[in-house]
C-alpha cells in the first residue's frame, strides 16, 4: 500500500497505543512484512509519546532494519503531518 487510505485511523490507533504504553501495558503491532504499515503505526505512536518524527523513524529503522519505512509516502506523512505544529492544528480542528 503506497498511500495512507485513512490518516485519521493512524492517528487514533497511535493515540490508543500510546495510552496503553503509558499505562505500562505491552502493545504488539504487525503487518504482512513488519516493515512499512506496522512501522508507520509504531513511529506514529512514538511521536504520540513525545519523540520527534525523525527520531521515531530512526528508532523503527534501528529495530527493524534498513528496509523499514522505505515507503516514501509513509515517511512524508510522519515528517509533515505529524510534526508538533501539524498535530496541534489537527487538535484545534477537532
C-alpha atoms as a PDB file:
ATOM      1  CA  UNK A   1       0.000   0.000   0.000  1.00  0.00           C
ATOM      2  CA  UNK A   2       1.896   3.087  -1.211  1.00  0.00           C
ATOM      3  CA  UNK A   3      -0.500   5.627   0.340  1.00  0.00           C
ATOM      4  CA  UNK A   4      -2.359   6.107   3.594  1.00  0.00           C
ATOM      5  CA  UNK A   5      -6.022   5.452   2.947  1.00  0.00           C
ATOM      6  CA  UNK A   6      -7.270   6.690   6.337  1.00  0.00           C
ATOM      7  CA  UNK A   7      -4.822   9.031   8.107  1.00  0.00           C
ATOM      8  CA  UNK A   8      -7.321   9.666  10.909  1.00  0.00           C
ATOM      9  CA  UNK A   9      -7.283   5.939  11.730  1.00  0.00           C
ATOM     10  CA  UNK A  10      -3.479   6.028  12.034  1.00  0.00           C
ATOM     11  CA  UNK A  11      -3.723   8.963  14.447  1.00  0.00           C
ATOM     12  CA  UNK A  12      -6.425   7.191  16.509  1.00  0.00           C
ATOM     13  CA  UNK A  13      -4.580   3.861  16.687  1.00  0.00           C
ATOM     14  CA  UNK A  14      -1.325   5.609  17.625  1.00  0.00           C
ATOM     15  CA  UNK A  15      -3.084   7.533  20.384  1.00  0.00           C
ATOM     16  CA  UNK A  16      -4.624   4.293  21.678  1.00  0.00           C
ATOM     17  CA  UNK A  17      -1.233   2.547  21.623  1.00  0.00           C
ATOM     18  CA  UNK A  18       0.390   5.461  23.459  1.00  0.00           C
ATOM     19  CA  UNK A  19      -2.262   5.310  26.191  1.00  0.00           C
ATOM     20  CA  UNK A  20      -1.533   1.609  26.682  1.00  0.00           C
ATOM     21  CA  UNK A  21       2.240   2.159  26.773  1.00  0.00           C
ATOM     22  CA  UNK A  22       1.853   4.966  29.315  1.00  0.00           C
ATOM     23  CA  UNK A  23      -0.224   2.575  31.435  1.00  0.00           C
ATOM     24  CA  UNK A  24       2.661   0.089  31.388  1.00  0.00           C
ATOM     25  CA  UNK A  25       0.991  -2.331  29.008  1.00  0.00           C
ATOM     26  CA  UNK A  26       2.648  -4.052  26.064  1.00  0.00           C
ATOM     27  CA  UNK A  27       1.454  -3.312  22.545  1.00  0.00           C
ATOM     28  CA  UNK A  28       2.001  -5.642  19.588  1.00  0.00           C
ATOM     29  CA  UNK A  29       1.816  -4.218  16.062  1.00  0.00           C
ATOM     30  CA  UNK A  30       2.180  -6.351  12.960  1.00  0.00           C
ATOM     31  CA  UNK A  31       1.519  -6.442   9.236  1.00  0.00           C
ATOM     32  CA  UNK A  32       2.500  -8.870   6.480  1.00  0.00           C
ATOM     33  CA  UNK A  33       6.196  -7.941   6.369  1.00  0.00           C
ATOM     34  CA  UNK A  34       6.554  -5.906   9.556  1.00  0.00           C
ATOM     35  CA  UNK A  35       8.271  -3.042   7.768  1.00  0.00           C
ATOM     36  CA  UNK A  36       6.035  -0.304   6.403  1.00  0.00           C
ATOM     37  CA  UNK A  37       2.469  -0.437   7.709  1.00  0.00           C
ATOM     38  CA  UNK A  38       3.479  -1.618  11.158  1.00  0.00           C
ATOM     39  CA  UNK A  39       6.487   0.704  11.077  1.00  0.00           C
ATOM     40  CA  UNK A  40       4.177   3.608  10.288  1.00  0.00           C
ATOM     41  CA  UNK A  41       1.962   2.862  13.262  1.00  0.00           C
ATOM     42  CA  UNK A  42       4.892   2.306  15.627  1.00  0.00           C
ATOM     43  CA  UNK A  43       6.605   5.527  14.507  1.00  0.00           C
ATOM     44  CA  UNK A  44       3.355   7.479  14.844  1.00  0.00           C
ATOM     45  CA  UNK A  45       2.903   6.004  18.333  1.00  0.00           C
ATOM     46  CA  UNK A  46       6.431   7.074  19.271  1.00  0.00           C
ATOM     47  CA  UNK A  47       5.577  10.588  18.092  1.00  0.00           C
ATOM     48  CA  UNK A  48       2.455  10.472  20.263  1.00  0.00           C
ATOM     49  CA  UNK A  49       4.751   9.542  23.157  1.00  0.00           C
ATOM     50  CA  UNK A  50       6.872  12.649  22.550  1.00  0.00           C
ATOM     51  CA  UNK A  51       9.573  11.589  20.103  1.00  0.00           C
ATOM     52  CA  UNK A  52      10.272  13.907  17.161  1.00  0.00           C
ATOM     53  CA  UNK A  53       9.264  12.396  13.775  1.00  0.00           C
ATOM     54  CA  UNK A  54      12.863  11.995  12.567  1.00  0.00           C
ATOM     55  CA  UNK A  55      13.870  10.180  15.740  1.00  0.00           C
ATOM     56  CA  UNK A  56      10.766   7.967  15.590  1.00  0.00           C
ATOM     57  CA  UNK A  57      11.642   6.870  12.038  1.00  0.00           C
ATOM     58  CA  UNK A  58      15.264   6.244  13.041  1.00  0.00           C
ATOM     59  CA  UNK A  59      14.177   4.111  16.013  1.00  0.00           C
ATOM     60  CA  UNK A  60      11.922   1.975  13.817  1.00  0.00           C
ATOM     61  CA  UNK A  61      14.712   1.513  11.270  1.00  0.00           C
ATOM     62  CA  UNK A  62      17.212   0.606  14.002  1.00  0.00           C
ATOM     63  CA  UNK A  63      14.815  -2.014  15.332  1.00  0.00           C
ATOM     64  CA  UNK A  64      13.573  -3.441  12.005  1.00  0.00           C
ATOM     65  CA  UNK A  65      16.437  -2.811   9.567  1.00  0.00           C
ATOM     66  CA  UNK A  66      17.165  -0.561   6.616  1.00  0.00           C
ATOM     67  CA  UNK A  67      14.055  -1.593   4.681  1.00  0.00           C
ATOM     68  CA  UNK A  68      11.720  -0.465   7.456  1.00  0.00           C
ATOM     69  CA  UNK A  69       9.683   2.579   6.498  1.00  0.00           C
ATOM     70  CA  UNK A  70      11.001   2.502   2.943  1.00  0.00           C
ATOM     71  CA  UNK A  71       7.587   3.734   1.755  1.00  0.00           C
ATOM     72  CA  UNK A  72       8.264   7.393   0.981  1.00  0.00           C
ATOM     73  CA  UNK A  73       4.605   8.398   1.384  1.00  0.00           C
ATOM     74  CA  UNK A  74       4.539   6.979   4.900  1.00  0.00           C
ATOM     75  CA  UNK A  75       7.718   8.826   5.870  1.00  0.00           C
ATOM     76  CA  UNK A  76       6.382  12.021   4.298  1.00  0.00           C
ATOM     77  CA  UNK A  77       3.214  11.649   6.388  1.00  0.00           C
ATOM     78  CA  UNK A  78       5.306  11.288   9.552  1.00  0.00           C
ATOM     79  CA  UNK A  79       7.610  14.230   8.726  1.00  0.00           C
ATOM     80  CA  UNK A  80       4.886  16.630   7.549  1.00  0.00           C
ATOM     81  CA  UNK A  81       1.554  15.622   9.087  1.00  0.00           C
ATOM     82  CA  UNK A  82       2.927  14.521  12.467  1.00  0.00           C
ATOM     83  CA  UNK A  83       5.054  17.489  13.484  1.00  0.00           C
ATOM     84  CA  UNK A  84       4.047  19.209  16.726  1.00  0.00           C
ATOM     85  CA  UNK A  85       2.636  22.132  14.711  1.00  0.00           C
ATOM     86  CA  UNK A  86       0.612  19.891  12.376  1.00  0.00           C
ATOM     87  CA  UNK A  87      -0.721  17.821  15.274  1.00  0.00           C
ATOM     88  CA  UNK A  88      -1.686  20.965  17.223  1.00  0.00           C
ATOM     89  CA  UNK A  89      -3.547  22.284  14.177  1.00  0.00           C
ATOM     90  CA  UNK A  90      -5.302  18.932  13.848  1.00  0.00           C
ATOM     91  CA  UNK A  91      -6.372  19.143  17.505  1.00  0.00           C
ATOM     92  CA  UNK A  92      -7.772  22.648  17.007  1.00  0.00           C
ATOM     93  CA  UNK A  93      -9.819  21.467  14.015  1.00  0.00           C
ATOM     94  CA  UNK A  94     -11.227  18.662  16.140  1.00  0.00           C
END
